Amino acid sequence: MFELTLLDHLRLTYSQVVVRHRTHLQMAGWRARWSRSLRTAEALLMAGVAAASGAALSGRGGHVFEIISVVLAVLALAALLVHLSFDLDGTAKVHAACASRLWQLRERYRALLSDLSDGAIDLAAARRGRDALMLELHAIYVEAPPEDYKIYQAAARAQLSAG
């Protein structure tokens, strides 16, 4: 049917781990940036509410500052609800933890590949190492948060162009 050597298999799996590592790292960064942006928007909107409420209390401008205060309060609430609904901080941490575990695993794959290429280990030891790494990789994937398809595709394209 087709021939796939142990070295080929290790290289393919290593490439997949690299792509997944980059994907989770990008997801963590993206979610952390969005979380900071939403927190900034919430703070700015609440500052606007405070300023407009203060102006409304002073009696200047009629109902204009009251309306502005209500609109800014509603926008601040919407930003807060979006932030809480998506739990961006929590999911950023989970993606970062997954990326960290995948980085460690990819380095172990790289070490196994280099040991095999250098002849430091025989095929039987390489197969045992591969099997142990596959079990660890499975355990990581079971606990991993879902990946964003667009980010996964971008990471895969970057890996193909780099390799």
N, C-alpha and C. Protein backbone atom coordinates (compact mmCIF):
# COMPACT_ATOMS: atom_id res chain seq x y z
N MET A 1 0.83 -1.18 0.00
CA MET A 1 0.00 0.00 0.00
C MET A 1 0.88 1.25 0.00
N PHE A 2 1.51 1.57 1.09
CA PHE A 2 2.47 2.65 1.15
C PHE A 2 3.46 2.34 2.24
N GLU A 3 4.64 2.89 2.10
CA GLU A 3 5.67 2.63 3.09
C GLU A 3 5.91 3.87 3.92
N LEU A 4 5.89 3.67 5.21
CA LEU A 4 6.13 4.75 6.14
C LEU A 4 7.11 4.23 7.19
N THR A 5 8.27 4.80 7.21
CA THR A 5 9.27 4.35 8.17
C THR A 5 8.99 4.95 9.54
N LEU A 6 9.64 4.43 10.54
CA LEU A 6 9.52 4.97 11.89
C LEU A 6 9.94 6.44 11.90
N LEU A 7 11.01 6.75 11.21
CA LEU A 7 11.49 8.13 11.13
C LEU A 7 10.45 9.04 10.46
N ASP A 8 9.83 8.54 9.38
CA ASP A 8 8.77 9.31 8.71
C ASP A 8 7.60 9.57 9.67
N HIS A 9 7.21 8.53 10.38
CA HIS A 9 6.10 8.64 11.31
C HIS A 9 6.41 9.66 12.41
N LEU A 10 7.60 9.60 12.95
CA LEU A 10 8.00 10.54 13.99
C LEU A 10 8.01 11.97 13.46
N ARG A 11 8.51 12.15 12.26
CA ARG A 11 8.54 13.49 11.66
C ARG A 11 7.13 14.03 11.43
N LEU A 12 6.23 13.19 10.93
CA LEU A 12 4.84 13.62 10.71
C LEU A 12 4.17 14.02 12.02
N THR A 13 4.35 13.18 13.02
CA THR A 13 3.73 13.48 14.31
C THR A 13 4.34 14.73 14.91
N TYR A 14 5.66 14.87 14.79
CA TYR A 14 6.34 16.06 15.29
C TYR A 14 5.77 17.32 14.62
N SER A 15 5.58 17.26 13.31
CA SER A 15 5.02 18.42 12.59
C SER A 15 3.62 18.75 13.08
N GLN A 16 2.83 17.73 13.33
CA GLN A 16 1.48 17.95 13.84
C GLN A 16 1.52 18.59 15.23
N VAL A 17 2.41 18.14 16.07
CA VAL A 17 2.53 18.70 17.41
C VAL A 17 2.97 20.16 17.33
N VAL A 18 3.88 20.48 16.41
CA VAL A 18 4.32 21.87 16.23
C VAL A 18 3.14 22.76 15.84
N VAL A 19 2.33 22.29 14.89
CA VAL A 19 1.17 23.07 14.46
C VAL A 19 0.20 23.27 15.61
N ARG A 20 -0.09 22.21 16.34
CA ARG A 20 -1.02 22.33 17.47
C ARG A 20 -0.46 23.26 18.55
N HIS A 21 0.85 23.16 18.81
CA HIS A 21 1.48 24.04 19.79
C HIS A 21 1.30 25.51 19.38
N ARG A 22 1.61 25.81 18.14
CA ARG A 22 1.47 27.19 17.66
C ARG A 22 0.02 27.66 17.69
N THR A 23 -0.89 26.77 17.36
CA THR A 23 -2.31 27.13 17.37
C THR A 23 -2.77 27.51 18.77
N HIS A 24 -2.44 26.68 19.75
CA HIS A 24 -2.87 26.98 21.11
C HIS A 24 -2.17 28.23 21.66
N LEU A 25 -0.92 28.43 21.26
CA LEU A 25 -0.21 29.64 21.67
C LEU A 25 -0.88 30.88 21.08
N GLN A 26 -1.26 30.81 19.80
CA GLN A 26 -1.95 31.93 19.16
C GLN A 26 -3.32 32.16 19.78
N MET A 27 -4.03 31.08 20.08
CA MET A 27 -5.34 31.22 20.72
C MET A 27 -5.22 31.89 22.08
N ALA A 28 -4.22 31.50 22.85
CA ALA A 28 -4.01 32.11 24.17
C ALA A 28 -3.73 33.60 24.02
N GLY A 29 -2.87 33.96 23.08
CA GLY A 29 -2.55 35.37 22.87
C GLY A 29 -3.75 36.16 22.39
N TRP A 30 -4.49 35.60 21.46
CA TRP A 30 -5.67 36.28 20.93
C TRP A 30 -6.69 36.53 22.02
N ARG A 31 -6.97 35.52 22.82
CA ARG A 31 -7.97 35.66 23.88
C ARG A 31 -7.49 36.62 24.97
N ALA A 32 -6.22 36.59 25.29
CA ALA A 32 -5.70 37.51 26.30
C ALA A 32 -5.80 38.96 25.80
N ARG A 33 -5.47 39.18 24.52
CA ARG A 33 -5.59 40.54 23.96
C ARG A 33 -7.04 41.01 23.97
N TRP A 34 -7.96 40.15 23.58
CA TRP A 34 -9.37 40.53 23.59
C TRP A 34 -9.84 40.82 25.01
N SER A 35 -9.37 40.04 25.96
CA SER A 35 -9.75 40.27 27.35
C SER A 35 -9.27 41.63 27.82
N ARG A 36 -8.02 41.96 27.52
CA ARG A 36 -7.49 43.28 27.90
C ARG A 36 -8.26 44.39 27.21
N SER A 37 -8.59 44.19 25.95
CA SER A 37 -9.34 45.22 25.21
C SER A 37 -10.73 45.43 25.81
N LEU A 38 -11.40 44.35 26.15
CA LEU A 38 -12.72 44.48 26.76
C LEU A 38 -12.65 45.15 28.13
N ARG A 39 -11.63 44.78 28.92
CA ARG A 39 -11.46 45.43 30.23
C ARG A 39 -11.19 46.92 30.06
N THR A 40 -10.39 47.28 29.08
CA THR A 40 -10.11 48.69 28.81
C THR A 40 -11.39 49.41 28.40
N ALA A 41 -12.17 48.78 27.51
CA ALA A 41 -13.43 49.38 27.08
C ALA A 41 -14.38 49.56 28.26
N GLU A 42 -14.47 48.56 29.12
CA GLU A 42 -15.33 48.66 30.30
C GLU A 42 -14.91 49.84 31.17
N ALA A 43 -13.61 49.96 31.42
CA ALA A 43 -13.12 51.05 32.28
C ALA A 43 -13.40 52.41 31.65
N LEU A 44 -13.14 52.53 30.35
CA LEU A 44 -13.38 53.81 29.68
C LEU A 44 -14.87 54.16 29.67
N LEU A 45 -15.70 53.18 29.40
CA LEU A 45 -17.14 53.43 29.40
C LEU A 45 -17.63 53.82 30.79
N MET A 46 -17.13 53.14 31.81
CA MET A 46 -17.54 53.50 33.18
C MET A 46 -17.04 54.90 33.55
N ALA A 47 -15.85 55.27 33.10
CA ALA A 47 -15.36 56.63 33.33
C ALA A 47 -16.28 57.63 32.64
N GLY A 48 -16.73 57.29 31.43
CA GLY A 48 -17.67 58.15 30.71
C GLY A 48 -19.00 58.27 31.45
N VAL A 49 -19.46 57.15 32.02
CA VAL A 49 -20.70 57.18 32.80
C VAL A 49 -20.54 58.11 33.99
N ALA A 50 -19.40 57.99 34.68
CA ALA A 50 -19.16 58.84 35.85
C ALA A 50 -19.11 60.31 35.45
N ALA A 51 -18.42 60.62 34.36
CA ALA A 51 -18.32 62.01 33.91
C ALA A 51 -19.69 62.55 33.49
N ALA A 52 -20.42 61.77 32.70
CA ALA A 52 -21.74 62.22 32.24
C ALA A 52 -22.71 62.35 33.41
N SER A 53 -22.63 61.44 34.38
CA SER A 53 -23.50 61.52 35.55
C SER A 53 -23.17 62.77 36.38
N GLY A 54 -21.89 63.05 36.52
CA GLY A 54 -21.48 64.26 37.23
C GLY A 54 -21.97 65.52 36.55
N ALA A 55 -21.88 65.53 35.22
CA ALA A 55 -22.37 66.69 34.47
C ALA A 55 -23.89 66.80 34.59
N ALA A 56 -24.58 65.66 34.58
CA ALA A 56 -26.04 65.69 34.72
C ALA A 56 -26.44 66.20 36.10
N LEU A 57 -25.69 65.82 37.13
CA LEU A 57 -25.99 66.28 38.49
C LEU A 57 -25.78 67.79 38.64
N SER A 58 -24.86 68.32 37.87
CA SER A 58 -24.60 69.76 37.97
C SER A 58 -25.70 70.58 37.33
N GLY A 59 -26.55 69.92 36.57
CA GLY A 59 -27.69 70.59 35.96
C GLY A 59 -27.41 71.22 34.62
N ARG A 60 -26.21 71.10 34.14
CA ARG A 60 -25.89 71.66 32.82
C ARG A 60 -26.35 70.71 31.72
N GLY A 61 -26.78 71.27 30.63
CA GLY A 61 -27.09 70.48 29.45
C GLY A 61 -28.43 69.78 29.46
N GLY A 62 -29.25 70.00 30.45
CA GLY A 62 -30.57 69.37 30.48
C GLY A 62 -30.47 67.87 30.60
N HIS A 63 -31.23 67.17 29.76
CA HIS A 63 -31.29 65.71 29.80
C HIS A 63 -30.21 65.05 28.94
N VAL A 64 -29.43 65.84 28.25
CA VAL A 64 -28.42 65.28 27.34
C VAL A 64 -27.43 64.41 28.11
N PHE A 65 -26.92 64.91 29.24
CA PHE A 65 -25.94 64.13 30.00
C PHE A 65 -26.58 62.91 30.66
N GLU A 66 -27.83 62.99 30.99
CA GLU A 66 -28.52 61.81 31.54
C GLU A 66 -28.63 60.73 30.47
N ILE A 67 -28.96 61.13 29.26
CA ILE A 67 -29.07 60.17 28.15
C ILE A 67 -27.71 59.57 27.84
N ILE A 68 -26.69 60.43 27.79
CA ILE A 68 -25.32 59.94 27.52
C ILE A 68 -24.90 58.96 28.60
N SER A 69 -25.21 59.28 29.86
CA SER A 69 -24.86 58.40 30.98
C SER A 69 -25.53 57.03 30.83
N VAL A 70 -26.80 57.03 30.48
CA VAL A 70 -27.53 55.76 30.32
C VAL A 70 -26.96 54.95 29.16
N VAL A 71 -26.69 55.62 28.04
CA VAL A 71 -26.15 54.91 26.86
C VAL A 71 -24.78 54.31 27.19
N LEU A 72 -23.92 55.08 27.84
CA LEU A 72 -22.59 54.56 28.20
C LEU A 72 -22.70 53.42 29.21
N ALA A 73 -23.64 53.52 30.14
CA ALA A 73 -23.84 52.44 31.12
C ALA A 73 -24.29 51.15 30.43
N VAL A 74 -25.19 51.28 29.46
CA VAL A 74 -25.66 50.11 28.73
C VAL A 74 -24.50 49.49 27.93
N LEU A 75 -23.69 50.33 27.29
CA LEU A 75 -22.53 49.82 26.54
C LEU A 75 -21.52 49.15 27.48
N ALA A 76 -21.29 49.73 28.64
CA ALA A 76 -20.38 49.13 29.61
C ALA A 76 -20.91 47.77 30.08
N LEU A 77 -22.21 47.71 30.31
CA LEU A 77 -22.81 46.44 30.71
C LEU A 77 -22.68 45.40 29.60
N ALA A 78 -22.90 45.82 28.36
CA ALA A 78 -22.75 44.89 27.23
C ALA A 78 -21.32 44.37 27.14
N ALA A 79 -20.35 45.27 27.29
CA ALA A 79 -18.94 44.84 27.24
C ALA A 79 -18.65 43.86 28.37
N LEU A 80 -19.16 44.14 29.56
CA LEU A 80 -18.96 43.24 30.70
C LEU A 80 -19.60 41.88 30.45
N LEU A 81 -20.81 41.87 29.93
CA LEU A 81 -21.49 40.59 29.67
C LEU A 81 -20.77 39.76 28.61
N VAL A 82 -20.26 40.42 27.56
CA VAL A 82 -19.48 39.71 26.54
C VAL A 82 -18.24 39.12 27.19
N HIS A 83 -17.57 39.93 28.00
CA HIS A 83 -16.35 39.48 28.67
C HIS A 83 -16.62 38.28 29.56
N LEU A 84 -17.69 38.35 30.34
CA LEU A 84 -18.02 37.24 31.24
C LEU A 84 -18.52 36.01 30.48
N SER A 85 -19.26 36.22 29.41
CA SER A 85 -19.82 35.10 28.65
C SER A 85 -18.74 34.23 28.01
N PHE A 86 -17.71 34.87 27.50
CA PHE A 86 -16.67 34.13 26.78
C PHE A 86 -15.53 33.69 27.69
N ASP A 87 -15.49 34.16 28.92
CA ASP A 87 -14.43 33.80 29.87
C ASP A 87 -13.07 33.81 29.18
N LEU A 88 -12.75 34.93 28.58
CA LEU A 88 -11.52 35.04 27.80
C LEU A 88 -10.27 34.81 28.64
N ASP A 89 -10.27 35.30 29.88
CA ASP A 89 -9.10 35.09 30.74
C ASP A 89 -8.89 33.60 31.03
N GLY A 90 -9.97 32.93 31.39
CA GLY A 90 -9.87 31.51 31.71
C GLY A 90 -9.45 30.67 30.51
N THR A 91 -10.07 30.92 29.36
CA THR A 91 -9.72 30.13 28.18
C THR A 91 -8.31 30.47 27.67
N ALA A 92 -7.88 31.73 27.87
CA ALA A 92 -6.50 32.08 27.49
C ALA A 92 -5.51 31.27 28.32
N LYS A 93 -5.79 31.13 29.61
CA LYS A 93 -4.91 30.35 30.49
C LYS A 93 -4.90 28.87 30.11
N VAL A 94 -6.07 28.34 29.77
CA VAL A 94 -6.15 26.92 29.39
C VAL A 94 -5.39 26.67 28.08
N HIS A 95 -5.55 27.57 27.11
CA HIS A 95 -4.80 27.42 25.85
C HIS A 95 -3.30 27.56 26.09
N ALA A 96 -2.91 28.49 26.96
CA ALA A 96 -1.48 28.67 27.26
C ALA A 96 -0.91 27.44 27.95
N ALA A 97 -1.67 26.85 28.87
CA ALA A 97 -1.21 25.63 29.55
C ALA A 97 -1.07 24.48 28.55
N CYS A 98 -2.03 24.37 27.64
CA CYS A 98 -1.96 23.32 26.61
C CYS A 98 -0.75 23.54 25.71
N ALA A 99 -0.52 24.78 25.32
CA ALA A 99 0.64 25.11 24.48
C ALA A 99 1.94 24.76 25.20
N SER A 100 1.98 25.02 26.49
CA SER A 100 3.18 24.70 27.26
C SER A 100 3.44 23.20 27.29
N ARG A 101 2.39 22.43 27.49
CA ARG A 101 2.53 20.97 27.50
C ARG A 101 2.95 20.46 26.12
N LEU A 102 2.37 21.05 25.08
CA LEU A 102 2.73 20.63 23.73
C LEU A 102 4.17 21.02 23.39
N TRP A 103 4.62 22.17 23.88
CA TRP A 103 6.01 22.57 23.63
C TRP A 103 6.96 21.54 24.24
N GLN A 104 6.68 21.14 25.47
CA GLN A 104 7.53 20.14 26.13
C GLN A 104 7.53 18.84 25.33
N LEU A 105 6.36 18.44 24.86
CA LEU A 105 6.26 17.20 24.10
C LEU A 105 6.98 17.31 22.76
N ARG A 106 6.86 18.46 22.10
CA ARG A 106 7.54 18.61 20.80
C ARG A 106 9.05 18.56 20.97
N GLU A 107 9.56 19.08 22.08
CA GLU A 107 10.99 19.01 22.33
C GLU A 107 11.43 17.56 22.59
N ARG A 108 10.57 16.79 23.22
CA ARG A 108 10.90 15.38 23.42
C ARG A 108 10.86 14.62 22.10
N TYR A 109 9.91 14.97 21.23
CA TYR A 109 9.90 14.37 19.88
C TYR A 109 11.18 14.74 19.14
N ARG A 110 11.59 16.00 19.24
CA ARG A 110 12.81 16.44 18.55
C ARG A 110 14.02 15.67 19.07
N ALA A 111 14.08 15.47 20.40
CA ALA A 111 15.20 14.72 20.98
C ALA A 111 15.18 13.27 20.50
N LEU A 112 14.00 12.68 20.43
CA LEU A 112 13.89 11.31 19.94
C LEU A 112 14.32 11.21 18.48
N LEU A 113 13.90 12.18 17.68
CA LEU A 113 14.32 12.21 16.28
C LEU A 113 15.83 12.33 16.14
N SER A 114 16.42 13.22 16.92
CA SER A 114 17.87 13.40 16.81
C SER A 114 18.62 12.18 17.33
N ASP A 115 18.13 11.58 18.42
CA ASP A 115 18.78 10.36 18.93
C ASP A 115 18.72 9.24 17.91
N LEU A 116 17.58 9.11 17.25
CA LEU A 116 17.43 8.07 16.23
C LEU A 116 18.33 8.35 15.04
N SER A 117 18.37 9.60 14.61
CA SER A 117 19.22 9.97 13.47
C SER A 117 20.71 9.81 13.78
N ASP A 118 21.10 10.10 15.01
CA ASP A 118 22.50 9.98 15.41
C ASP A 118 22.91 8.54 15.70
N GLY A 119 21.93 7.65 15.80
CA GLY A 119 22.23 6.26 16.14
C GLY A 119 22.45 6.05 17.62
N ALA A 120 22.04 7.03 18.43
CA ALA A 120 22.23 6.92 19.88
C ALA A 120 21.27 5.89 20.49
N ILE A 121 20.17 5.62 19.79
CA ILE A 121 19.22 4.59 20.25
C ILE A 121 18.90 3.68 19.07
N ASP A 122 18.48 2.48 19.38
CA ASP A 122 18.12 1.55 18.32
C ASP A 122 16.62 1.69 18.01
N LEU A 123 16.16 0.96 17.00
CA LEU A 123 14.77 1.07 16.58
C LEU A 123 13.79 0.65 17.67
N ALA A 124 14.14 -0.37 18.44
CA ALA A 124 13.24 -0.82 19.51
C ALA A 124 13.07 0.28 20.56
N ALA A 125 14.14 0.92 20.94
CA ALA A 125 14.05 2.01 21.93
C ALA A 125 13.29 3.19 21.35
N ALA A 126 13.49 3.46 20.07
CA ALA A 126 12.76 4.56 19.42
C ALA A 126 11.27 4.26 19.38
N ARG A 127 10.91 3.01 19.12
CA ARG A 127 9.49 2.65 19.11
C ARG A 127 8.87 2.78 20.50
N ARG A 128 9.62 2.36 21.52
CA ARG A 128 9.10 2.53 22.89
C ARG A 128 8.93 4.02 23.22
N GLY A 129 9.89 4.82 22.81
CA GLY A 129 9.79 6.26 23.03
C GLY A 129 8.61 6.85 22.28
N ARG A 130 8.42 6.43 21.04
CA ARG A 130 7.28 6.90 20.25
C ARG A 130 5.96 6.53 20.90
N ASP A 131 5.86 5.28 21.36
CA ASP A 131 4.62 4.83 21.99
C ASP A 131 4.32 5.62 23.26
N ALA A 132 5.34 5.89 24.05
CA ALA A 132 5.15 6.68 25.28
C ALA A 132 4.73 8.10 24.94
N LEU A 133 5.35 8.69 23.93
CA LEU A 133 4.99 10.04 23.52
C LEU A 133 3.57 10.10 22.96
N MET A 134 3.17 9.06 22.23
CA MET A 134 1.82 9.04 21.69
C MET A 134 0.78 8.99 22.80
N LEU A 135 1.06 8.24 23.85
CA LEU A 135 0.14 8.19 24.99
C LEU A 135 0.04 9.56 25.67
N GLU A 136 1.18 10.24 25.83
CA GLU A 136 1.16 11.58 26.41
C GLU A 136 0.42 12.56 25.52
N LEU A 137 0.63 12.44 24.22
CA LEU A 137 -0.03 13.33 23.27
C LEU A 137 -1.55 13.12 23.33
N HIS A 138 -1.96 11.89 23.42
CA HIS A 138 -3.39 11.60 23.54
C HIS A 138 -3.97 12.23 24.81
N ALA A 139 -3.25 12.11 25.91
CA ALA A 139 -3.72 12.69 27.17
C ALA A 139 -3.85 14.21 27.06
N ILE A 140 -2.93 14.84 26.35
CA ILE A 140 -3.00 16.30 26.15
C ILE A 140 -4.20 16.64 25.29
N TYR A 141 -4.42 15.91 24.22
CA TYR A 141 -5.55 16.19 23.33
C TYR A 141 -6.89 15.98 24.02
N VAL A 142 -6.97 15.02 24.92
CA VAL A 142 -8.22 14.78 25.65
C VAL A 142 -8.59 16.00 26.48
N GLU A 143 -7.60 16.63 27.09
CA GLU A 143 -7.84 17.78 27.97
C GLU A 143 -7.78 19.12 27.24
N ALA A 144 -7.36 19.11 25.99
CA ALA A 144 -7.12 20.37 25.27
C ALA A 144 -8.43 21.09 24.97
N PRO A 145 -8.42 22.42 25.06
CA PRO A 145 -9.59 23.18 24.65
C PRO A 145 -9.71 23.14 23.13
N PRO A 146 -10.90 23.40 22.61
CA PRO A 146 -11.05 23.37 21.15
C PRO A 146 -10.22 24.46 20.49
N GLU A 147 -9.77 24.16 19.29
CA GLU A 147 -8.97 25.10 18.52
C GLU A 147 -9.87 25.87 17.56
N ASP A 148 -9.47 27.08 17.27
CA ASP A 148 -10.16 27.87 16.26
C ASP A 148 -9.66 27.41 14.89
N TYR A 149 -10.57 27.05 14.01
CA TYR A 149 -10.21 26.46 12.72
C TYR A 149 -9.33 27.41 11.90
N LYS A 150 -9.67 28.69 11.86
CA LYS A 150 -8.89 29.64 11.06
C LYS A 150 -7.47 29.77 11.58
N ILE A 151 -7.32 29.82 12.90
CA ILE A 151 -5.98 29.92 13.47
C ILE A 151 -5.21 28.63 13.23
N TYR A 152 -5.89 27.49 13.33
CA TYR A 152 -5.24 26.20 13.06
C TYR A 152 -4.73 26.15 11.62
N GLN A 153 -5.55 26.60 10.67
CA GLN A 153 -5.13 26.58 9.27
C GLN A 153 -3.95 27.52 9.04
N ALA A 154 -3.96 28.70 9.67
CA ALA A 154 -2.85 29.64 9.53
C ALA A 154 -1.56 29.04 10.08
N ALA A 155 -1.65 28.36 11.22
CA ALA A 155 -0.47 27.73 11.81
C ALA A 155 0.03 26.60 10.92
N ALA A 156 -0.88 25.84 10.34
CA ALA A 156 -0.49 24.74 9.45
C ALA A 156 0.21 25.28 8.21
N ARG A 157 -0.33 26.38 7.64
CA ARG A 157 0.32 26.99 6.46
C ARG A 157 1.70 27.52 6.81
N ALA A 158 1.83 28.12 7.99
CA ALA A 158 3.13 28.65 8.42
C ALA A 158 4.12 27.51 8.59
N GLN A 159 3.68 26.38 9.11
CA GLN A 159 4.56 25.22 9.28
C GLN A 159 5.00 24.67 7.93
N LEU A 160 4.09 24.61 6.98
CA LEU A 160 4.45 24.10 5.66
C LEU A 160 5.44 25.02 4.95
N SER A 161 5.27 26.32 5.08
CA SER A 161 6.17 27.24 4.42
C SER A 161 7.53 27.28 5.10
N ALA A 162 7.56 27.01 6.42
CA ALA A 162 8.83 27.00 7.15
C ALA A 162 9.60 25.71 6.92
N GLY A 163 8.86 24.64 6.72
CA GLY A 163 9.53 23.33 6.60
C GLY A 163 9.70 22.98 5.21
